[in-house]
Amino acid sequence: MDLPSIHIRIAPDAPPPPQLEVRRHRPSRNHRWIAGYWDRRDDRWAWAPGRWERPSRRGSSWIAARYQREGEAYRYEPGHWSHQRMVEGDDYTRWHRDHGRGSEGRGDRKRDHDRGDRRPD
């Protein structure tokens, strides 16, 4: 399975507040709105304006840029397309809590990370 290449960056400062944007006319029903976000370029924050974009492949979802304080710095994960069935971020944390280590016998019996093999009790 091909997974997207994600470049995690560490920044010494937080990004500025989001900028106000106007969403233009949707070019086609296949396009998805990608909200603007602060991108880390050349050791500074640069605004990446919102835009309409077609998914990189059928069934892909846009994962918004994420910023998380870690000690004295900020961890930045750029926005990207993902075709994984399991949603990233907080949903993964919830999934791991319910199906991860220590939950043997519940939900994902085959340990293949899909939730569709629950046996009726």
N, C-alpha and C. Protein backbone atom coordinates (compact mmCIF):
# COMPACT_ATOMS: atom_id res chain seq x y z
N MET A 1 0.85 -1.17 0.00
CA MET A 1 0.00 0.00 0.00
C MET A 1 0.89 1.24 0.00
N ASP A 2 0.65 2.16 -0.91
CA ASP A 2 1.39 3.42 -0.95
C ASP A 2 0.80 4.39 0.05
N LEU A 3 1.65 4.91 0.93
CA LEU A 3 1.23 5.93 1.89
C LEU A 3 1.89 7.24 1.52
N PRO A 4 1.21 8.36 1.80
CA PRO A 4 1.80 9.65 1.45
C PRO A 4 3.04 9.93 2.29
N SER A 5 3.96 10.67 1.68
CA SER A 5 5.15 11.09 2.40
C SER A 5 4.80 12.36 3.17
N ILE A 6 4.97 12.33 4.48
CA ILE A 6 4.63 13.48 5.32
C ILE A 6 5.90 13.97 5.99
N HIS A 7 6.17 15.24 5.87
CA HIS A 7 7.37 15.83 6.45
C HIS A 7 6.98 16.60 7.71
N ILE A 8 7.23 16.02 8.86
CA ILE A 8 6.95 16.67 10.14
C ILE A 8 8.05 17.71 10.37
N ARG A 9 7.66 18.90 10.80
CA ARG A 9 8.64 19.95 11.07
C ARG A 9 8.49 20.42 12.51
N ILE A 10 9.58 20.89 13.07
CA ILE A 10 9.57 21.45 14.42
C ILE A 10 9.87 22.94 14.29
N ALA A 11 9.05 23.77 14.91
CA ALA A 11 9.21 25.23 14.84
C ALA A 11 9.36 25.78 16.25
N PRO A 12 10.17 26.83 16.41
CA PRO A 12 10.34 27.41 17.74
C PRO A 12 9.17 28.28 18.19
N ASP A 13 8.32 28.67 17.24
CA ASP A 13 7.21 29.57 17.56
C ASP A 13 5.90 29.03 16.98
N ALA A 14 4.79 29.47 17.58
CA ALA A 14 3.46 29.05 17.12
C ALA A 14 3.11 29.78 15.82
N PRO A 15 2.24 29.18 14.99
CA PRO A 15 1.78 29.90 13.81
C PRO A 15 0.85 31.04 14.21
N PRO A 16 0.76 32.09 13.36
CA PRO A 16 -0.19 33.17 13.63
C PRO A 16 -1.63 32.65 13.54
N PRO A 17 -2.60 33.45 13.96
CA PRO A 17 -4.01 33.04 13.82
C PRO A 17 -4.37 32.87 12.34
N PRO A 18 -5.34 31.99 12.04
CA PRO A 18 -5.76 31.81 10.64
C PRO A 18 -6.27 33.12 10.03
N GLN A 19 -6.09 33.26 8.73
CA GLN A 19 -6.57 34.44 8.02
C GLN A 19 -8.00 34.20 7.53
N LEU A 20 -8.76 35.27 7.43
CA LEU A 20 -10.12 35.18 6.91
C LEU A 20 -10.05 34.98 5.40
N GLU A 21 -10.86 34.07 4.89
CA GLU A 21 -10.84 33.77 3.45
C GLU A 21 -12.25 33.79 2.88
N VAL A 22 -12.33 34.00 1.60
CA VAL A 22 -13.59 33.91 0.87
C VAL A 22 -13.51 32.67 -0.01
N ARG A 23 -14.48 31.79 0.16
CA ARG A 23 -14.50 30.56 -0.65
C ARG A 23 -15.13 30.88 -2.00
N ARG A 24 -14.37 30.69 -3.04
CA ARG A 24 -14.84 30.94 -4.40
C ARG A 24 -15.76 29.81 -4.88
N HIS A 25 -16.32 30.01 -6.08
CA HIS A 25 -17.23 29.03 -6.69
C HIS A 25 -16.53 27.68 -6.88
N ARG A 26 -17.22 26.61 -6.54
CA ARG A 26 -16.69 25.25 -6.69
C ARG A 26 -16.60 24.89 -8.17
N PRO A 27 -15.40 24.53 -8.66
CA PRO A 27 -15.24 24.24 -10.09
C PRO A 27 -16.04 23.02 -10.57
N SER A 28 -16.15 21.99 -9.75
CA SER A 28 -16.93 20.80 -10.11
C SER A 28 -17.29 20.05 -8.83
N ARG A 29 -18.21 19.12 -8.94
CA ARG A 29 -18.60 18.37 -7.74
C ARG A 29 -17.49 17.44 -7.26
N ASN A 30 -16.46 17.23 -8.07
CA ASN A 30 -15.33 16.40 -7.67
C ASN A 30 -14.29 17.16 -6.86
N HIS A 31 -14.40 18.47 -6.81
CA HIS A 31 -13.43 19.29 -6.08
C HIS A 31 -13.81 19.39 -4.60
N ARG A 32 -12.79 19.47 -3.74
CA ARG A 32 -12.97 19.63 -2.30
C ARG A 32 -12.29 20.93 -1.88
N TRP A 33 -12.90 21.62 -0.93
CA TRP A 33 -12.31 22.87 -0.43
C TRP A 33 -11.21 22.55 0.57
N ILE A 34 -10.03 23.10 0.33
CA ILE A 34 -8.90 22.98 1.24
C ILE A 34 -8.75 24.35 1.90
N ALA A 35 -9.08 24.45 3.17
CA ALA A 35 -9.00 25.73 3.88
C ALA A 35 -7.54 26.17 3.98
N GLY A 36 -7.32 27.49 3.95
CA GLY A 36 -5.97 28.02 4.08
C GLY A 36 -5.36 27.66 5.43
N TYR A 37 -4.05 27.62 5.46
CA TYR A 37 -3.34 27.26 6.69
C TYR A 37 -1.93 27.85 6.66
N TRP A 38 -1.34 27.94 7.82
CA TRP A 38 0.04 28.41 7.94
C TRP A 38 0.98 27.25 7.67
N ASP A 39 1.90 27.45 6.72
CA ASP A 39 2.89 26.46 6.34
C ASP A 39 4.26 26.95 6.80
N ARG A 40 5.11 26.04 7.21
CA ARG A 40 6.45 26.42 7.66
C ARG A 40 7.40 26.34 6.47
N ARG A 41 7.93 27.49 6.02
CA ARG A 41 8.85 27.55 4.88
C ARG A 41 10.06 28.40 5.24
N ASP A 42 11.24 27.87 4.97
CA ASP A 42 12.48 28.62 5.22
C ASP A 42 12.51 29.22 6.62
N ASP A 43 12.19 28.43 7.61
CA ASP A 43 12.23 28.85 9.01
C ASP A 43 11.30 30.00 9.37
N ARG A 44 10.20 30.13 8.63
CA ARG A 44 9.19 31.14 8.98
C ARG A 44 7.83 30.62 8.54
N TRP A 45 6.77 31.21 9.11
CA TRP A 45 5.41 30.83 8.75
C TRP A 45 4.98 31.60 7.51
N ALA A 46 4.40 30.89 6.53
CA ALA A 46 3.88 31.51 5.31
C ALA A 46 2.45 31.01 5.11
N TRP A 47 1.54 31.92 4.75
CA TRP A 47 0.14 31.55 4.56
C TRP A 47 -0.03 30.81 3.25
N ALA A 48 -0.65 29.64 3.31
CA ALA A 48 -1.04 28.87 2.12
C ALA A 48 -2.53 29.11 1.94
N PRO A 49 -2.92 29.90 0.94
CA PRO A 49 -4.33 30.27 0.80
C PRO A 49 -5.23 29.07 0.49
N GLY A 50 -6.50 29.19 0.89
CA GLY A 50 -7.49 28.15 0.61
C GLY A 50 -7.67 27.99 -0.89
N ARG A 51 -8.10 26.79 -1.28
CA ARG A 51 -8.23 26.50 -2.71
C ARG A 51 -9.15 25.29 -2.90
N TRP A 52 -9.68 25.18 -4.10
CA TRP A 52 -10.42 23.99 -4.49
C TRP A 52 -9.42 23.03 -5.11
N GLU A 53 -9.55 21.76 -4.78
CA GLU A 53 -8.62 20.76 -5.31
C GLU A 53 -9.35 19.45 -5.49
N ARG A 54 -8.94 18.71 -6.51
CA ARG A 54 -9.48 17.36 -6.70
C ARG A 54 -8.65 16.40 -5.87
N PRO A 55 -9.29 15.44 -5.22
CA PRO A 55 -8.52 14.46 -4.43
C PRO A 55 -7.48 13.76 -5.29
N SER A 56 -6.38 13.38 -4.67
CA SER A 56 -5.29 12.73 -5.39
C SER A 56 -5.69 11.35 -5.92
N ARG A 57 -6.66 10.74 -5.28
CA ARG A 57 -7.21 9.47 -5.77
C ARG A 57 -8.60 9.29 -5.17
N ARG A 58 -9.40 8.48 -5.81
CA ARG A 58 -10.78 8.25 -5.37
C ARG A 58 -10.80 7.74 -3.93
N GLY A 59 -11.69 8.31 -3.12
CA GLY A 59 -11.82 7.89 -1.74
C GLY A 59 -10.86 8.58 -0.78
N SER A 60 -10.02 9.47 -1.30
CA SER A 60 -9.07 10.19 -0.43
C SER A 60 -9.78 11.26 0.38
N SER A 61 -9.23 11.56 1.54
CA SER A 61 -9.74 12.63 2.40
C SER A 61 -8.61 13.61 2.66
N TRP A 62 -8.96 14.88 2.81
CA TRP A 62 -7.96 15.88 3.15
C TRP A 62 -7.78 15.89 4.66
N ILE A 63 -6.54 15.77 5.10
CA ILE A 63 -6.19 15.85 6.51
C ILE A 63 -5.61 17.24 6.72
N ALA A 64 -6.29 18.06 7.51
CA ALA A 64 -5.87 19.45 7.71
C ALA A 64 -4.53 19.53 8.41
N ALA A 65 -3.82 20.62 8.17
CA ALA A 65 -2.53 20.85 8.85
C ALA A 65 -2.76 20.83 10.36
N ARG A 66 -1.77 20.32 11.09
CA ARG A 66 -1.87 20.24 12.54
C ARG A 66 -0.65 20.86 13.19
N TYR A 67 -0.90 21.54 14.29
CA TYR A 67 0.16 22.19 15.06
C TYR A 67 -0.02 21.74 16.51
N GLN A 68 1.05 21.27 17.12
CA GLN A 68 0.94 20.80 18.50
C GLN A 68 2.17 21.25 19.28
N ARG A 69 1.92 21.88 20.40
CA ARG A 69 3.04 22.31 21.25
C ARG A 69 3.67 21.09 21.91
N GLU A 70 4.99 21.03 21.84
CA GLU A 70 5.74 19.96 22.47
C GLU A 70 6.92 20.59 23.19
N GLY A 71 6.78 20.78 24.48
CA GLY A 71 7.83 21.44 25.26
C GLY A 71 7.95 22.90 24.87
N GLU A 72 9.13 23.30 24.45
CA GLU A 72 9.40 24.69 24.05
C GLU A 72 9.21 24.92 22.56
N ALA A 73 8.77 23.92 21.81
CA ALA A 73 8.64 24.04 20.36
C ALA A 73 7.24 23.61 19.90
N TYR A 74 7.00 23.74 18.59
CA TYR A 74 5.73 23.32 17.99
C TYR A 74 6.00 22.28 16.92
N ARG A 75 5.25 21.21 16.98
CA ARG A 75 5.32 20.16 15.97
C ARG A 75 4.30 20.52 14.90
N TYR A 76 4.75 20.54 13.65
CA TYR A 76 3.87 20.92 12.54
C TYR A 76 3.81 19.79 11.53
N GLU A 77 2.58 19.37 11.21
CA GLU A 77 2.36 18.38 10.16
C GLU A 77 1.55 19.05 9.06
N PRO A 78 2.12 19.21 7.87
CA PRO A 78 1.39 19.89 6.79
C PRO A 78 0.10 19.15 6.41
N GLY A 79 -0.84 19.89 5.83
CA GLY A 79 -2.05 19.26 5.31
C GLY A 79 -1.69 18.33 4.17
N HIS A 80 -2.48 17.27 4.00
CA HIS A 80 -2.17 16.30 2.94
C HIS A 80 -3.40 15.43 2.64
N TRP A 81 -3.37 14.82 1.47
CA TRP A 81 -4.40 13.85 1.10
C TRP A 81 -4.04 12.51 1.72
N SER A 82 -5.04 11.78 2.17
CA SER A 82 -4.82 10.44 2.72
C SER A 82 -5.90 9.51 2.18
N HIS A 83 -5.49 8.33 1.80
CA HIS A 83 -6.47 7.33 1.34
C HIS A 83 -6.60 6.19 2.34
N GLN A 84 -6.10 6.39 3.54
CA GLN A 84 -6.23 5.36 4.56
C GLN A 84 -7.67 5.28 5.03
N ARG A 85 -8.12 4.07 5.35
CA ARG A 85 -9.49 3.90 5.83
C ARG A 85 -9.65 4.48 7.22
N MET A 86 -8.62 4.36 8.03
CA MET A 86 -8.68 4.87 9.40
C MET A 86 -8.30 6.35 9.39
N VAL A 87 -9.12 7.16 10.00
CA VAL A 87 -8.87 8.59 10.07
C VAL A 87 -7.75 8.85 11.07
N GLU A 88 -6.91 9.84 10.75
CA GLU A 88 -5.76 10.15 11.59
C GLU A 88 -6.13 11.09 12.73
N GLY A 89 -5.17 11.35 13.60
CA GLY A 89 -5.34 12.34 14.66
C GLY A 89 -6.13 11.80 15.83
N ASP A 90 -7.09 12.59 16.30
CA ASP A 90 -7.86 12.21 17.48
C ASP A 90 -8.62 10.91 17.28
N ASP A 91 -9.09 10.67 16.04
CA ASP A 91 -9.81 9.42 15.78
C ASP A 91 -8.89 8.22 15.97
N TYR A 92 -7.60 8.37 15.58
CA TYR A 92 -6.65 7.28 15.78
C TYR A 92 -6.44 7.03 17.27
N THR A 93 -6.30 8.10 18.04
CA THR A 93 -6.11 7.97 19.48
C THR A 93 -7.27 7.20 20.09
N ARG A 94 -8.50 7.54 19.68
CA ARG A 94 -9.69 6.85 20.17
C ARG A 94 -9.67 5.38 19.74
N TRP A 95 -9.32 5.14 18.45
CA TRP A 95 -9.28 3.77 17.95
C TRP A 95 -8.24 2.96 18.73
N HIS A 96 -7.06 3.53 18.93
CA HIS A 96 -6.00 2.81 19.63
C HIS A 96 -6.41 2.49 21.07
N ARG A 97 -7.09 3.42 21.70
CA ARG A 97 -7.57 3.19 23.07
C ARG A 97 -8.53 1.99 23.09
N ASP A 98 -9.40 1.91 22.09
CA ASP A 98 -10.42 0.86 22.06
C ASP A 98 -9.92 -0.47 21.49
N HIS A 99 -8.90 -0.42 20.61
CA HIS A 99 -8.48 -1.63 19.90
C HIS A 99 -7.00 -1.94 20.03
N GLY A 100 -6.25 -1.10 20.63
CA GLY A 100 -4.79 -1.28 20.70
C GLY A 100 -4.37 -2.30 21.73
N ARG A 101 -3.14 -2.22 22.13
CA ARG A 101 -2.54 -3.15 23.09
C ARG A 101 -3.43 -3.28 24.34
N GLY A 102 -3.64 -4.50 24.75
CA GLY A 102 -4.43 -4.73 25.95
C GLY A 102 -5.91 -4.92 25.69
N SER A 103 -6.34 -4.87 24.42
CA SER A 103 -7.77 -5.03 24.13
C SER A 103 -8.03 -6.31 23.35
N GLU A 104 -7.13 -7.32 23.49
CA GLU A 104 -7.29 -8.57 22.77
C GLU A 104 -8.69 -9.14 22.99
N GLY A 105 -9.24 -9.68 21.91
CA GLY A 105 -10.55 -10.28 22.02
C GLY A 105 -11.69 -9.30 21.78
N ARG A 106 -11.39 -8.02 21.59
CA ARG A 106 -12.45 -7.04 21.33
C ARG A 106 -12.24 -6.45 19.95
N GLY A 107 -13.24 -6.47 19.12
CA GLY A 107 -13.19 -5.74 17.86
C GLY A 107 -12.31 -6.34 16.80
N ASP A 108 -11.08 -5.94 16.72
CA ASP A 108 -10.20 -6.30 15.61
C ASP A 108 -9.47 -7.61 15.89
N ARG A 109 -10.18 -8.73 15.78
CA ARG A 109 -9.60 -10.03 16.12
C ARG A 109 -8.38 -10.37 15.27
N LYS A 110 -8.41 -9.99 13.99
CA LYS A 110 -7.30 -10.32 13.10
C LYS A 110 -6.13 -9.36 13.24
N ARG A 111 -6.29 -8.30 14.05
CA ARG A 111 -5.25 -7.28 14.26
C ARG A 111 -4.81 -6.65 12.95
N ASP A 112 -5.77 -6.52 11.99
CA ASP A 112 -5.45 -5.93 10.70
C ASP A 112 -5.98 -4.51 10.58
N HIS A 113 -6.35 -3.91 11.68
CA HIS A 113 -6.73 -2.50 11.79
C HIS A 113 -8.00 -2.11 11.05
N ASP A 114 -8.88 -3.08 10.77
CA ASP A 114 -10.20 -2.68 10.31
C ASP A 114 -11.20 -3.15 11.35
N ARG A 115 -12.29 -2.46 11.43
CA ARG A 115 -13.24 -2.75 12.51
C ARG A 115 -14.34 -3.69 12.06
N GLY A 116 -14.22 -4.27 10.87
CA GLY A 116 -15.32 -5.01 10.31
C GLY A 116 -15.37 -6.48 10.65
N ASP A 117 -14.55 -6.97 11.59
CA ASP A 117 -14.57 -8.39 11.85
C ASP A 117 -15.04 -8.73 13.26
N ARG A 118 -15.93 -7.91 13.78
CA ARG A 118 -16.50 -8.17 15.11
C ARG A 118 -17.43 -9.38 15.02
N ARG A 119 -17.23 -10.36 15.87
CA ARG A 119 -18.10 -11.54 15.83
C ARG A 119 -19.31 -11.32 16.73
N PRO A 120 -20.47 -11.81 16.32
CA PRO A 120 -21.64 -11.66 17.18
C PRO A 120 -21.46 -12.49 18.44
N ASP A 121 -21.86 -11.94 19.56
CA ASP A 121 -21.73 -12.65 20.84
C ASP A 121 -23.03 -13.30 21.23
